[in-house]
């Protein structure tokens, strides 16, 4: 009678089966992060609203493990707030905190825009195409799609600066205020203004006038924060 131990059906630690689990889970968590951001852009998740792990897992057809990982990522970014024994909720900013996020944006975005090289025709055409997409989304009226197209325009422009770390920090600050910018984009006048202001930026970039781009961006940003500040103040936040 053989005394050999039966073969284990469990993959050894470090095997391909084991090491493939982490990337798959990270991919699922990344998808959940994207879904939560979309829910914030559509207004489905509003500032202060609780994010339920169980309902999110059921909605996306996943286990609670990658949901928890996604929520921790968003907490680290400042997008979500976690309270022990209560759970996660969308970060609620006061009027003063909102103004501080825009103050940080102003400082960092100014540096990035001043660092832009003279853009070639291919880069200018790309920005014009992205702004045309913003216009199409504005005509369609889907606020989440407008926000996504607006994000793509700005960060394509920012990345030409070569200041990757600074652009990454700007993006983190943008994400903190996603739910608030969505409120701003429900205003039809604000939506139409986006395309005009982007066109003016492209014209200044074509001239190589970075200082003019900074001025345009400041005006573009300041109108947003003024509108949002008035909205929040009227709600007593």
C-alpha atoms as a PDB file:
ATOM      1  CA  UNK A   1       0.000   0.000   0.000  1.00  0.00           C
ATOM      2  CA  UNK A   2       1.436   3.348  -0.989  1.00  0.00           C
ATOM      3  CA  UNK A   3       2.197   5.826   1.764  1.00  0.00           C
ATOM      4  CA  UNK A   4       2.465   8.770  -0.639  1.00  0.00           C
ATOM      5  CA  UNK A   5       0.378  11.748   0.481  1.00  0.00           C
ATOM      6  CA  UNK A   6      -2.493  12.659  -1.856  1.00  0.00           C
ATOM      7  CA  UNK A   7      -1.904  15.532  -4.267  1.00  0.00           C
ATOM      8  CA  UNK A   8      -3.024  18.885  -2.923  1.00  0.00           C
ATOM      9  CA  UNK A   9      -5.770  20.575  -4.913  1.00  0.00           C
ATOM     10  CA  UNK A  10      -4.721  23.980  -3.570  1.00  0.00           C
ATOM     11  CA  UNK A  11      -2.299  25.992  -5.685  1.00  0.00           C
ATOM     12  CA  UNK A  12       0.994  26.571  -3.840  1.00  0.00           C
ATOM     13  CA  UNK A  13       1.793  30.057  -2.656  1.00  0.00           C
ATOM     14  CA  UNK A  14       3.531  31.954  -5.430  1.00  0.00           C
ATOM     15  CA  UNK A  15       2.009  29.817  -8.192  1.00  0.00           C
ATOM     16  CA  UNK A  16       0.479  31.386 -11.298  1.00  0.00           C
ATOM     17  CA  UNK A  17      -3.026  30.669  -9.963  1.00  0.00           C
ATOM     18  CA  UNK A  18      -2.298  32.502  -6.727  1.00  0.00           C
ATOM     19  CA  UNK A  19      -0.428  35.460  -8.216  1.00  0.00           C
ATOM     20  CA  UNK A  20      -3.147  36.069 -10.807  1.00  0.00           C
ATOM     21  CA  UNK A  21      -5.767  36.711  -8.115  1.00  0.00           C
ATOM     22  CA  UNK A  22      -4.361  40.069  -6.966  1.00  0.00           C
ATOM     23  CA  UNK A  23      -4.300  41.706 -10.452  1.00  0.00           C
ATOM     24  CA  UNK A  24      -7.844  40.487 -11.141  1.00  0.00           C
ATOM     25  CA  UNK A  25      -9.086  41.897  -7.824  1.00  0.00           C
ATOM     26  CA  UNK A  26      -7.262  45.179  -8.444  1.00  0.00           C
ATOM     27  CA  UNK A  27      -8.950  45.402 -11.845  1.00  0.00           C
ATOM     28  CA  UNK A  28     -12.376  44.843 -10.282  1.00  0.00           C
ATOM     29  CA  UNK A  29     -11.642  47.441  -7.592  1.00  0.00           C
ATOM     30  CA  UNK A  30     -10.571  49.919 -10.289  1.00  0.00           C
ATOM     31  CA  UNK A  31     -13.855  49.344 -12.139  1.00  0.00           C
ATOM     32  CA  UNK A  32     -15.784  49.996  -8.919  1.00  0.00           C
ATOM     33  CA  UNK A  33     -13.845  53.226  -8.336  1.00  0.00           C
ATOM     34  CA  UNK A  34     -14.861  54.348 -11.822  1.00  0.00           C
ATOM     35  CA  UNK A  35     -18.487  53.427 -11.178  1.00  0.00           C
ATOM     36  CA  UNK A  36     -18.590  55.424  -7.929  1.00  0.00           C
ATOM     37  CA  UNK A  37     -17.070  58.446  -9.673  1.00  0.00           C
ATOM     38  CA  UNK A  38     -19.714  58.149 -12.381  1.00  0.00           C
ATOM     39  CA  UNK A  39     -22.446  58.018  -9.730  1.00  0.00           C
ATOM     40  CA  UNK A  40     -21.063  61.219  -8.223  1.00  0.00           C
ATOM     41  CA  UNK A  41     -20.950  62.958 -11.608  1.00  0.00           C
ATOM     42  CA  UNK A  42     -24.569  62.058 -12.328  1.00  0.00           C
ATOM     43  CA  UNK A  43     -25.715  63.237  -8.907  1.00  0.00           C
ATOM     44  CA  UNK A  44     -26.771  59.725  -7.914  1.00  0.00           C
ATOM     45  CA  UNK A  45     -24.307  60.072  -5.045  1.00  0.00           C
ATOM     46  CA  UNK A  46     -24.460  63.539  -3.489  1.00  0.00           C
ATOM     47  CA  UNK A  47     -22.126  65.153  -0.913  1.00  0.00           C
ATOM     48  CA  UNK A  48     -22.805  63.685   2.514  1.00  0.00           C
ATOM     49  CA  UNK A  49     -24.681  60.664   1.132  1.00  0.00           C
ATOM     50  CA  UNK A  50     -23.751  57.262   2.542  1.00  0.00           C
ATOM     51  CA  UNK A  51     -22.221  54.646   0.248  1.00  0.00           C
ATOM     52  CA  UNK A  52     -23.599  51.196   1.113  1.00  0.00           C
ATOM     53  CA  UNK A  53     -21.118  48.382   0.536  1.00  0.00           C
ATOM     54  CA  UNK A  54     -23.779  45.671   0.331  1.00  0.00           C
ATOM     55  CA  UNK A  55     -25.981  47.446  -2.218  1.00  0.00           C
ATOM     56  CA  UNK A  56     -22.967  48.463  -4.314  1.00  0.00           C
ATOM     57  CA  UNK A  57     -21.667  44.881  -4.382  1.00  0.00           C
ATOM     58  CA  UNK A  58     -25.110  43.583  -5.377  1.00  0.00           C
ATOM     59  CA  UNK A  59     -25.512  46.232  -8.073  1.00  0.00           C
ATOM     60  CA  UNK A  60     -22.147  45.439  -9.665  1.00  0.00           C
ATOM     61  CA  UNK A  61     -22.333  41.674  -9.136  1.00  0.00           C
ATOM     62  CA  UNK A  62     -19.116  41.481  -7.133  1.00  0.00           C
ATOM     63  CA  UNK A  63     -18.093  40.477  -3.631  1.00  0.00           C
ATOM     64  CA  UNK A  64     -17.642  43.029  -0.866  1.00  0.00           C
ATOM     65  CA  UNK A  65     -13.834  42.599  -0.859  1.00  0.00           C
ATOM     66  CA  UNK A  66     -13.096  44.668  -4.005  1.00  0.00           C
ATOM     67  CA  UNK A  67     -15.830  47.109  -2.960  1.00  0.00           C
ATOM     68  CA  UNK A  68     -14.000  47.737   0.324  1.00  0.00           C
ATOM     69  CA  UNK A  69     -10.731  48.169  -1.572  1.00  0.00           C
ATOM     70  CA  UNK A  70     -12.336  50.705  -3.927  1.00  0.00           C
ATOM     71  CA  UNK A  71     -13.819  52.642  -1.026  1.00  0.00           C
ATOM     72  CA  UNK A  72     -10.422  52.799   0.690  1.00  0.00           C
ATOM     73  CA  UNK A  73      -8.855  54.191  -2.498  1.00  0.00           C
ATOM     74  CA  UNK A  74     -11.472  56.942  -2.659  1.00  0.00           C
ATOM     75  CA  UNK A  75     -11.059  57.664   1.041  1.00  0.00           C
ATOM     76  CA  UNK A  76      -7.304  58.126   0.506  1.00  0.00           C
ATOM     77  CA  UNK A  77      -8.063  60.604  -2.282  1.00  0.00           C
ATOM     78  CA  UNK A  78     -10.394  62.550   0.003  1.00  0.00           C
ATOM     79  CA  UNK A  79     -13.419  61.764  -2.184  1.00  0.00           C
ATOM     80  CA  UNK A  80     -15.044  59.643   0.524  1.00  0.00           C
ATOM     81  CA  UNK A  81     -15.164  60.051   4.300  1.00  0.00           C
ATOM     82  CA  UNK A  82     -15.086  57.074   6.655  1.00  0.00           C
ATOM     83  CA  UNK A  83     -16.564  57.078  10.140  1.00  0.00           C
ATOM     84  CA  UNK A  84     -16.054  54.009  12.400  1.00  0.00           C
ATOM     85  CA  UNK A  85     -19.251  52.041  13.052  1.00  0.00           C
ATOM     86  CA  UNK A  86     -21.061  54.163  10.465  1.00  0.00           C
ATOM     87  CA  UNK A  87     -19.299  53.540   7.168  1.00  0.00           C
ATOM     88  CA  UNK A  88     -18.403  55.547   4.089  1.00  0.00           C
ATOM     89  CA  UNK A  89     -20.057  58.657   2.725  1.00  0.00           C
ATOM     90  CA  UNK A  90     -19.299  61.178  -0.014  1.00  0.00           C
ATOM     91  CA  UNK A  91     -17.120  63.918   1.442  1.00  0.00           C
ATOM     92  CA  UNK A  92     -19.125  67.042   2.222  1.00  0.00           C
ATOM     93  CA  UNK A  93     -17.179  70.291   1.889  1.00  0.00           C
ATOM     94  CA  UNK A  94     -18.017  73.561   3.570  1.00  0.00           C
ATOM     95  CA  UNK A  95     -18.016  76.764   1.511  1.00  0.00           C
ATOM     96  CA  UNK A  96     -14.579  77.593   2.937  1.00  0.00           C
ATOM     97  CA  UNK A  97     -13.183  74.128   2.150  1.00  0.00           C
ATOM     98  CA  UNK A  98     -14.514  74.316  -1.390  1.00  0.00           C
ATOM     99  CA  UNK A  99     -12.812  77.671  -1.867  1.00  0.00           C
ATOM    100  CA  UNK A 100      -9.563  76.180  -0.547  1.00  0.00           C
ATOM    101  CA  UNK A 101      -9.673  73.386  -3.148  1.00  0.00           C
ATOM    102  CA  UNK A 102     -10.036  76.000  -5.870  1.00  0.00           C
ATOM    103  CA  UNK A 103      -7.226  78.050  -4.334  1.00  0.00           C
ATOM    104  CA  UNK A 104      -4.966  74.978  -4.598  1.00  0.00           C
ATOM    105  CA  UNK A 105      -6.092  74.419  -8.169  1.00  0.00           C
ATOM    106  CA  UNK A 106      -5.321  78.023  -9.055  1.00  0.00           C
ATOM    107  CA  UNK A 107      -1.766  77.772  -7.709  1.00  0.00           C
ATOM    108  CA  UNK A 108      -0.953  74.417  -9.316  1.00  0.00           C
ATOM    109  CA  UNK A 109      -2.720  74.957 -12.625  1.00  0.00           C
ATOM    110  CA  UNK A 110      -0.988  78.305 -13.074  1.00  0.00           C
ATOM    111  CA  UNK A 111       2.411  76.599 -12.812  1.00  0.00           C
ATOM    112  CA  UNK A 112       1.361  73.882 -15.245  1.00  0.00           C
ATOM    113  CA  UNK A 113      -0.032  76.317 -17.828  1.00  0.00           C
ATOM    114  CA  UNK A 114       3.058  78.544 -17.667  1.00  0.00           C
ATOM    115  CA  UNK A 115       5.209  75.446 -18.259  1.00  0.00           C
ATOM    116  CA  UNK A 116       3.401  74.506 -21.478  1.00  0.00           C
ATOM    117  CA  UNK A 117       5.626  74.481 -24.557  1.00  0.00           C
ATOM    118  CA  UNK A 118       4.495  76.044 -27.824  1.00  0.00           C
ATOM    119  CA  UNK A 119       1.997  73.421 -28.993  1.00  0.00           C
ATOM    120  CA  UNK A 120       2.284  72.027 -32.506  1.00  0.00           C
ATOM    121  CA  UNK A 121      -0.608  71.746 -34.932  1.00  0.00           C
ATOM    122  CA  UNK A 122      -1.350  68.126 -34.024  1.00  0.00           C
ATOM    123  CA  UNK A 123      -1.717  69.013 -30.334  1.00  0.00           C
ATOM    124  CA  UNK A 124      -3.921  72.010 -31.132  1.00  0.00           C
ATOM    125  CA  UNK A 125      -6.131  69.886 -33.389  1.00  0.00           C
ATOM    126  CA  UNK A 126      -6.480  67.320 -30.607  1.00  0.00           C
ATOM    127  CA  UNK A 127      -7.636  69.994 -28.156  1.00  0.00           C
ATOM    128  CA  UNK A 128     -10.067  71.394 -30.729  1.00  0.00           C
ATOM    129  CA  UNK A 129     -11.504  67.897 -31.276  1.00  0.00           C
ATOM    130  CA  UNK A 130     -11.882  67.370 -27.530  1.00  0.00           C
ATOM    131  CA  UNK A 131     -13.662  70.710 -27.207  1.00  0.00           C
ATOM    132  CA  UNK A 132     -15.960  69.742 -30.081  1.00  0.00           C
ATOM    133  CA  UNK A 133     -16.849  66.638 -28.057  1.00  0.00           C
ATOM    134  CA  UNK A 134     -17.608  68.881 -25.068  1.00  0.00           C
ATOM    135  CA  UNK A 135     -19.970  70.816 -27.349  1.00  0.00           C
ATOM    136  CA  UNK A 136     -21.673  67.619 -28.524  1.00  0.00           C
ATOM    137  CA  UNK A 137     -22.185  66.490 -24.934  1.00  0.00           C
ATOM    138  CA  UNK A 138     -23.534  69.913 -23.978  1.00  0.00           C
ATOM    139  CA  UNK A 139     -26.078  69.597 -26.809  1.00  0.00           C
ATOM    140  CA  UNK A 140     -26.973  66.123 -25.543  1.00  0.00           C
ATOM    141  CA  UNK A 141     -27.512  67.419 -22.004  1.00  0.00           C
ATOM    142  CA  UNK A 142     -25.996  64.423 -20.160  1.00  0.00           C
ATOM    143  CA  UNK A 143     -24.175  66.092 -17.253  1.00  0.00           C
ATOM    144  CA  UNK A 144     -21.920  63.102 -16.476  1.00  0.00           C
ATOM    145  CA  UNK A 145     -20.748  62.948 -20.102  1.00  0.00           C
ATOM    146  CA  UNK A 146     -20.198  66.718 -20.180  1.00  0.00           C
ATOM    147  CA  UNK A 147     -18.073  66.465 -17.009  1.00  0.00           C
ATOM    148  CA  UNK A 148     -16.026  63.598 -18.471  1.00  0.00           C
ATOM    149  CA  UNK A 149     -15.414  65.450 -21.754  1.00  0.00           C
ATOM    150  CA  UNK A 150     -14.484  68.644 -19.891  1.00  0.00           C
ATOM    151  CA  UNK A 151     -12.018  66.650 -17.758  1.00  0.00           C
ATOM    152  CA  UNK A 152     -10.420  65.144 -20.885  1.00  0.00           C
ATOM    153  CA  UNK A 153      -9.952  68.590 -22.459  1.00  0.00           C
ATOM    154  CA  UNK A 154      -8.254  70.103 -19.427  1.00  0.00           C
ATOM    155  CA  UNK A 155      -5.990  67.196 -18.573  1.00  0.00           C
ATOM    156  CA  UNK A 156      -4.888  66.673 -22.163  1.00  0.00           C
ATOM    157  CA  UNK A 157      -3.812  70.320 -22.107  1.00  0.00           C
ATOM    158  CA  UNK A 158      -2.168  70.021 -18.676  1.00  0.00           C
ATOM    159  CA  UNK A 159      -0.158  66.915 -19.607  1.00  0.00           C
ATOM    160  CA  UNK A 160       1.652  68.780 -22.383  1.00  0.00           C
ATOM    161  CA  UNK A 161       3.477  70.614 -19.569  1.00  0.00           C
ATOM    162  CA  UNK A 162       5.538  67.533 -18.689  1.00  0.00           C
ATOM    163  CA  UNK A 163       4.857  68.177 -14.971  1.00  0.00           C
ATOM    164  CA  UNK A 164       3.349  64.764 -14.326  1.00  0.00           C
ATOM    165  CA  UNK A 165       3.472  64.837 -10.519  1.00  0.00           C
ATOM    166  CA  UNK A 166       1.830  68.249 -10.358  1.00  0.00           C
ATOM    167  CA  UNK A 167      -0.855  67.221 -12.850  1.00  0.00           C
ATOM    168  CA  UNK A 168      -1.533  64.129 -10.734  1.00  0.00           C
ATOM    169  CA  UNK A 169      -2.111  66.312  -7.667  1.00  0.00           C
ATOM    170  CA  UNK A 170      -4.424  68.590  -9.649  1.00  0.00           C
ATOM    171  CA  UNK A 171      -6.439  65.549 -10.694  1.00  0.00           C
ATOM    172  CA  UNK A 172      -6.762  64.438  -7.065  1.00  0.00           C
ATOM    173  CA  UNK A 173      -8.182  67.859  -6.155  1.00  0.00           C
ATOM    174  CA  UNK A 174     -10.583  67.732  -9.116  1.00  0.00           C
ATOM    175  CA  UNK A 175     -11.898  64.379  -7.900  1.00  0.00           C
ATOM    176  CA  UNK A 176     -12.624  65.817  -4.458  1.00  0.00           C
ATOM    177  CA  UNK A 177     -15.019  68.292  -6.069  1.00  0.00           C
ATOM    178  CA  UNK A 178     -16.613  66.063  -8.746  1.00  0.00           C
ATOM    179  CA  UNK A 179     -19.972  65.987  -6.986  1.00  0.00           C
ATOM    180  CA  UNK A 180     -19.970  69.787  -6.663  1.00  0.00           C
ATOM    181  CA  UNK A 181     -19.018  70.538 -10.283  1.00  0.00           C
ATOM    182  CA  UNK A 182     -21.907  68.319 -11.347  1.00  0.00           C
ATOM    183  CA  UNK A 183     -24.285  70.744  -9.607  1.00  0.00           C
ATOM    184  CA  UNK A 184     -22.683  73.621 -11.529  1.00  0.00           C
ATOM    185  CA  UNK A 185     -23.140  71.841 -14.867  1.00  0.00           C
ATOM    186  CA  UNK A 186     -26.897  71.586 -14.423  1.00  0.00           C
ATOM    187  CA  UNK A 187     -26.950  75.306 -15.250  1.00  0.00           C
ATOM    188  CA  UNK A 188     -27.450  75.572 -19.035  1.00  0.00           C
ATOM    189  CA  UNK A 189     -25.602  78.911 -19.238  1.00  0.00           C
ATOM    190  CA  UNK A 190     -22.581  77.397 -17.474  1.00  0.00           C
ATOM    191  CA  UNK A 191     -22.572  74.466 -19.916  1.00  0.00           C
ATOM    192  CA  UNK A 192     -22.636  76.705 -22.988  1.00  0.00           C
ATOM    193  CA  UNK A 193     -19.885  78.879 -21.533  1.00  0.00           C
ATOM    194  CA  UNK A 194     -17.508  75.895 -21.339  1.00  0.00           C
ATOM    195  CA  UNK A 195     -17.096  75.576 -25.098  1.00  0.00           C
ATOM    196  CA  UNK A 196     -16.545  79.313 -25.668  1.00  0.00           C
ATOM    197  CA  UNK A 197     -13.921  79.534 -22.928  1.00  0.00           C
ATOM    198  CA  UNK A 198     -12.099  76.442 -24.188  1.00  0.00           C
ATOM    199  CA  UNK A 199     -11.963  77.944 -27.694  1.00  0.00           C
ATOM    200  CA  UNK A 200     -10.392  81.103 -26.287  1.00  0.00           C
ATOM    201  CA  UNK A 201      -7.745  78.994 -24.514  1.00  0.00           C
ATOM    202  CA  UNK A 202      -6.907  77.153 -27.740  1.00  0.00           C
ATOM    203  CA  UNK A 203      -6.548  80.494 -29.568  1.00  0.00           C
ATOM    204  CA  UNK A 204      -4.123  81.738 -26.890  1.00  0.00           C
ATOM    205  CA  UNK A 205      -2.167  78.468 -27.053  1.00  0.00           C
ATOM    206  CA  UNK A 206      -1.907  78.817 -30.820  1.00  0.00           C
ATOM    207  CA  UNK A 207      -0.271  82.231 -30.255  1.00  0.00           C
ATOM    208  CA  UNK A 208       2.020  80.757 -27.596  1.00  0.00           C
ATOM    209  CA  UNK A 209       0.565  83.224 -25.079  1.00  0.00           C
ATOM    210  CA  UNK A 210       0.683  81.171 -21.883  1.00  0.00           C
ATOM    211  CA  UNK A 211      -0.058  84.175 -19.662  1.00  0.00           C
ATOM    212  CA  UNK A 212      -3.333  84.697 -21.527  1.00  0.00           C
ATOM    213  CA  UNK A 213      -4.205  81.020 -21.017  1.00  0.00           C
ATOM    214  CA  UNK A 214      -3.637  81.471 -17.262  1.00  0.00           C
ATOM    215  CA  UNK A 215      -5.928  84.522 -17.220  1.00  0.00           C
ATOM    216  CA  UNK A 216      -8.626  82.652 -19.161  1.00  0.00           C
ATOM    217  CA  UNK A 217      -8.329  79.640 -16.883  1.00  0.00           C
ATOM    218  CA  UNK A 218      -8.594  81.811 -13.776  1.00  0.00           C
ATOM    219  CA  UNK A 219     -11.784  83.437 -15.074  1.00  0.00           C
ATOM    220  CA  UNK A 220     -13.122  80.013 -16.135  1.00  0.00           C
ATOM    221  CA  UNK A 221     -12.447  78.564 -12.683  1.00  0.00           C
ATOM    222  CA  UNK A 222     -13.539  81.606 -10.656  1.00  0.00           C
ATOM    223  CA  UNK A 223     -17.007  81.644 -12.216  1.00  0.00           C
ATOM    224  CA  UNK A 224     -17.446  78.013 -11.210  1.00  0.00           C
ATOM    225  CA  UNK A 225     -16.422  78.510  -7.601  1.00  0.00           C
ATOM    226  CA  UNK A 226     -18.574  81.655  -7.315  1.00  0.00           C
ATOM    227  CA  UNK A 227     -21.624  79.741  -8.536  1.00  0.00           C
ATOM    228  CA  UNK A 228     -20.898  76.806  -6.249  1.00  0.00           C
ATOM    229  CA  UNK A 229     -20.221  79.012  -3.246  1.00  0.00           C
ATOM    230  CA  UNK A 230     -23.571  80.738  -3.707  1.00  0.00           C
ATOM    231  CA  UNK A 231     -25.337  77.380  -4.019  1.00  0.00           C
ATOM    232  CA  UNK A 232     -23.735  75.969  -0.874  1.00  0.00           C
ATOM    233  CA  UNK A 233     -24.325  79.160   1.108  1.00  0.00           C
ATOM    234  CA  UNK A 234     -28.028  79.075   0.181  1.00  0.00           C
ATOM    235  CA  UNK A 235     -28.188  75.549   1.559  1.00  0.00           C
ATOM    236  CA  UNK A 236     -26.566  76.618   4.823  1.00  0.00           C
ATOM    237  CA  UNK A 237     -23.397  74.567   4.398  1.00  0.00           C
END
